Each structure stands twice: as structure tokens, then as C-alpha cells.
Protein backbone atom coordinates (compact mmCIF):
# COMPACT_ATOMS: atom_id res chain seq x y z
CA UNK A 1 1.26 19.52 19.80
CA UNK A 2 -2.40 18.60 19.76
CA UNK A 3 -3.77 15.13 20.48
CA UNK A 4 -0.34 13.57 20.07
CA UNK A 5 0.35 15.23 16.72
CA UNK A 6 2.75 18.00 15.83
CA UNK A 7 0.93 20.93 14.24
CA UNK A 8 2.73 22.71 11.42
CA UNK A 9 1.19 25.73 9.70
CA UNK A 10 2.25 26.23 6.10
CA UNK A 11 1.82 29.13 3.69
CA UNK A 12 1.84 26.99 0.52
CA UNK A 13 -1.46 25.92 -0.98
CA UNK A 14 -2.15 22.19 -1.25
CA UNK A 15 -1.84 22.31 -5.04
CA UNK A 16 0.55 20.20 -7.10
CA UNK A 17 2.37 19.02 -3.97
CA UNK A 18 3.49 22.53 -2.96
CA UNK A 19 2.35 22.11 0.65
CA UNK A 20 4.08 18.72 0.93
CA UNK A 21 7.31 20.20 -0.43
CA UNK A 22 7.08 23.10 2.03
CA UNK A 23 6.42 20.70 4.92
CA UNK A 24 9.53 18.71 4.03
CA UNK A 25 11.59 21.90 3.78
CA UNK A 26 10.29 23.28 7.09
CA UNK A 27 10.96 20.03 8.97
CA UNK A 28 14.41 19.61 7.42
CA UNK A 29 15.36 23.16 8.39
CA UNK A 30 13.95 22.80 11.93
CA UNK A 31 15.72 19.48 12.49
CA UNK A 32 18.94 20.47 10.69
CA UNK A 33 18.81 17.46 8.36
CA UNK A 34 18.91 17.27 4.55
CA UNK A 35 15.50 17.36 2.86
CA UNK A 36 16.17 13.89 1.47
CA UNK A 37 16.01 12.57 5.07
CA UNK A 38 12.41 13.76 5.50
CA UNK A 39 9.81 11.50 3.90
CA UNK A 40 6.03 11.62 3.96
CA UNK A 41 5.11 7.99 4.52
CA UNK A 42 1.33 8.40 4.55
CA UNK A 43 -1.27 11.08 4.03
CA UNK A 44 0.37 12.87 1.13
CA UNK A 45 -3.10 14.00 -0.04
CA UNK A 46 -4.50 14.55 3.46
CA UNK A 47 -4.22 17.27 6.09
CA UNK A 48 -2.92 14.63 8.52
CA UNK A 49 0.41 13.14 7.52
CA UNK A 50 2.92 10.71 8.92
CA UNK A 51 6.53 11.58 8.31
CA UNK A 52 9.74 9.70 8.83
CA UNK A 53 13.03 11.41 9.58
CA UNK A 54 15.83 9.09 8.54
CA UNK A 55 18.52 8.71 11.18
CA UNK A 56 16.44 10.13 14.05
CA UNK A 57 14.27 8.51 16.69
CA UNK A 58 10.95 10.04 17.69
CA UNK A 59 12.53 11.14 20.98
CA UNK A 60 15.39 12.84 19.12
CA UNK A 61 12.93 14.67 16.86
CA UNK A 62 10.94 15.92 19.84
CA UNK A 63 14.12 17.04 21.60
CA UNK A 64 15.34 18.86 18.47
CA UNK A 65 12.01 20.68 18.28
CA UNK A 66 12.18 21.60 21.97
CA UNK A 67 9.26 19.41 22.97
CA UNK A 68 9.45 17.59 26.29
CA UNK A 69 9.01 13.91 25.43
CA UNK A 70 7.56 13.26 28.90
CA UNK A 71 4.69 15.65 28.15
CA UNK A 72 4.06 14.36 24.63
CA UNK A 73 1.48 11.57 24.39
């Protein structure tokens, strides 16, 4: 976490949506949800993105990632 955002490092280059696809796959695997439940809702062409995980609250996402919600801004 940095400045209230989750940092995810990806190996895929940001070409033809490869990095976005890898981000979705990484989050789905980490959260144990189907890839179709992970959606980039803004920033698909930016380094900073907003994602929505269908069926999970923000607190549930943080808990699944092992992040203490009390320490997250």
C-alpha cells in the first residue's frame, strides 16, 4: 500500500491491453475469484487504475490480501 492505493507490479508490457489482462488475472488469483468478477472501472490506459471486485466489499478485499483495514487509509 502507498498513499491509500494497492501497488501491484506486473511483468506484462502495457501494450494491447496485456498489462490490464495480467492485472485482472493476478487479482483474481490472489482473491480466489473468477476473472470475470474483476473489472477495471477507470484508468484502463493509465498507471493508476480503479478496480471493482464483484461480490466483495473493500474490507473483504483487504482482508483477503492480508492487509489490516485499520492501517489502510
